[in-house]
């Protein structure tokens, strides 16, 4: 299911912004999402291929990529 309402560019700048939030996100840490593809910017690159993601608190809503593109919902790492 695609949640993003606009196309997000997969750029170094957007990845750096993303990692400010993914890097501290409980969902990202708990599920070791940095070890799976894609490893960040899920709103642009798609959900993680990590098996069995156990949902924890989501930081998508605080991210400048999320707010700057008027995205809705969150948890892009597990549903995109």
C-alpha atoms as a PDB file:
ATOM      1  CA  UNK A   1       0.000   0.000   0.000  1.00  0.00           C
ATOM      2  CA  UNK A   2       1.507   3.331  -1.009  1.00  0.00           C
ATOM      3  CA  UNK A   3       0.946   6.023   1.601  1.00  0.00           C
ATOM      4  CA  UNK A   4       3.009   8.903   0.206  1.00  0.00           C
ATOM      5  CA  UNK A   5       0.772  11.368  -1.636  1.00  0.00           C
ATOM      6  CA  UNK A   6       3.646  12.956  -3.557  1.00  0.00           C
ATOM      7  CA  UNK A   7       6.880  11.695  -5.011  1.00  0.00           C
ATOM      8  CA  UNK A   8       9.829  12.052  -2.623  1.00  0.00           C
ATOM      9  CA  UNK A   9      13.247  12.364  -4.237  1.00  0.00           C
ATOM     10  CA  UNK A  10      15.874   9.822  -3.188  1.00  0.00           C
ATOM     11  CA  UNK A  11      18.688  12.337  -2.690  1.00  0.00           C
ATOM     12  CA  UNK A  12      21.658  12.534  -0.320  1.00  0.00           C
ATOM     13  CA  UNK A  13      20.080  15.619   1.282  1.00  0.00           C
ATOM     14  CA  UNK A  14      16.784  13.814   1.945  1.00  0.00           C
ATOM     15  CA  UNK A  15      18.645  10.748   3.283  1.00  0.00           C
ATOM     16  CA  UNK A  16      20.589  12.953   5.708  1.00  0.00           C
ATOM     17  CA  UNK A  17      17.369  14.597   6.918  1.00  0.00           C
ATOM     18  CA  UNK A  18      15.742  11.186   7.263  1.00  0.00           C
ATOM     19  CA  UNK A  19      18.565   9.748   9.335  1.00  0.00           C
ATOM     20  CA  UNK A  20      18.221  12.547  11.905  1.00  0.00           C
ATOM     21  CA  UNK A  21      14.921  10.841  12.773  1.00  0.00           C
ATOM     22  CA  UNK A  22      15.384   7.219  11.707  1.00  0.00           C
ATOM     23  CA  UNK A  23      18.682   7.120  13.572  1.00  0.00           C
ATOM     24  CA  UNK A  24      16.872   7.751  16.868  1.00  0.00           C
ATOM     25  CA  UNK A  25      13.543   6.118  15.972  1.00  0.00           C
ATOM     26  CA  UNK A  26      12.550   3.271  18.330  1.00  0.00           C
ATOM     27  CA  UNK A  27      11.009   1.371  15.392  1.00  0.00           C
ATOM     28  CA  UNK A  28      14.253   1.657  13.396  1.00  0.00           C
ATOM     29  CA  UNK A  29      16.446   0.605  16.338  1.00  0.00           C
ATOM     30  CA  UNK A  30      14.228  -2.188  17.673  1.00  0.00           C
ATOM     31  CA  UNK A  31      13.965  -3.866  14.272  1.00  0.00           C
ATOM     32  CA  UNK A  32      17.594  -3.257  13.174  1.00  0.00           C
ATOM     33  CA  UNK A  33      16.329  -1.601   9.984  1.00  0.00           C
ATOM     34  CA  UNK A  34      19.774  -0.232   9.119  1.00  0.00           C
ATOM     35  CA  UNK A  35      20.822  -3.817   8.386  1.00  0.00           C
ATOM     36  CA  UNK A  36      18.135  -4.320   5.697  1.00  0.00           C
ATOM     37  CA  UNK A  37      17.282  -2.729   2.356  1.00  0.00           C
ATOM     38  CA  UNK A  38      16.415   0.017   1.978  1.00  0.00           C
ATOM     39  CA  UNK A  39      18.191   1.267   5.076  1.00  0.00           C
ATOM     40  CA  UNK A  40      16.498   4.692   5.264  1.00  0.00           C
ATOM     41  CA  UNK A  41      14.221   7.199   3.456  1.00  0.00           C
ATOM     42  CA  UNK A  42      11.412   4.663   3.329  1.00  0.00           C
ATOM     43  CA  UNK A  43       8.871   7.269   2.134  1.00  0.00           C
ATOM     44  CA  UNK A  44      10.872   7.484  -1.119  1.00  0.00           C
ATOM     45  CA  UNK A  45      12.533   4.083  -1.369  1.00  0.00           C
ATOM     46  CA  UNK A  46       9.832   1.708  -0.113  1.00  0.00           C
ATOM     47  CA  UNK A  47       9.284  -0.397   2.959  1.00  0.00           C
ATOM     48  CA  UNK A  48      12.092  -2.347   4.584  1.00  0.00           C
ATOM     49  CA  UNK A  49      12.702  -5.949   3.629  1.00  0.00           C
ATOM     50  CA  UNK A  50      13.316  -6.727   7.323  1.00  0.00           C
ATOM     51  CA  UNK A  51      11.286  -9.757   8.339  1.00  0.00           C
ATOM     52  CA  UNK A  52       8.668  -9.473  11.031  1.00  0.00           C
ATOM     53  CA  UNK A  53       8.853  -5.758  11.903  1.00  0.00           C
ATOM     54  CA  UNK A  54       7.461  -5.202  15.384  1.00  0.00           C
ATOM     55  CA  UNK A  55       5.948  -1.760  15.469  1.00  0.00           C
ATOM     56  CA  UNK A  56       7.254   0.712  18.014  1.00  0.00           C
ATOM     57  CA  UNK A  57       6.899   4.464  18.265  1.00  0.00           C
ATOM     58  CA  UNK A  58       7.282   6.199  14.882  1.00  0.00           C
ATOM     59  CA  UNK A  59       9.246   9.424  14.307  1.00  0.00           C
ATOM     60  CA  UNK A  60       8.134  10.003  10.684  1.00  0.00           C
ATOM     61  CA  UNK A  61       5.768  12.782  11.717  1.00  0.00           C
ATOM     62  CA  UNK A  62       8.629  14.927  13.073  1.00  0.00           C
ATOM     63  CA  UNK A  63      10.803  14.598   9.937  1.00  0.00           C
ATOM     64  CA  UNK A  64      11.245  17.622   7.648  1.00  0.00           C
ATOM     65  CA  UNK A  65      10.831  15.380   4.585  1.00  0.00           C
ATOM     66  CA  UNK A  66       7.464  14.235   5.977  1.00  0.00           C
ATOM     67  CA  UNK A  67       6.242  17.736   6.884  1.00  0.00           C
ATOM     68  CA  UNK A  68       7.748  19.437   3.820  1.00  0.00           C
ATOM     69  CA  UNK A  69       5.851  17.122   1.470  1.00  0.00           C
ATOM     70  CA  UNK A  70       2.569  17.092   3.426  1.00  0.00           C
ATOM     71  CA  UNK A  71       2.710  13.323   3.900  1.00  0.00           C
ATOM     72  CA  UNK A  72       0.212  11.537   6.101  1.00  0.00           C
ATOM     73  CA  UNK A  73       0.326   8.620   8.522  1.00  0.00           C
ATOM     74  CA  UNK A  74       3.844   7.227   9.006  1.00  0.00           C
ATOM     75  CA  UNK A  75       5.616   3.906   9.577  1.00  0.00           C
ATOM     76  CA  UNK A  76       6.910   4.029   5.993  1.00  0.00           C
ATOM     77  CA  UNK A  77       9.503   1.436   6.979  1.00  0.00           C
ATOM     78  CA  UNK A  78       6.805  -1.229   7.147  1.00  0.00           C
ATOM     79  CA  UNK A  79       4.153   0.037   4.757  1.00  0.00           C
ATOM     80  CA  UNK A  80       4.748   2.140   1.689  1.00  0.00           C
END
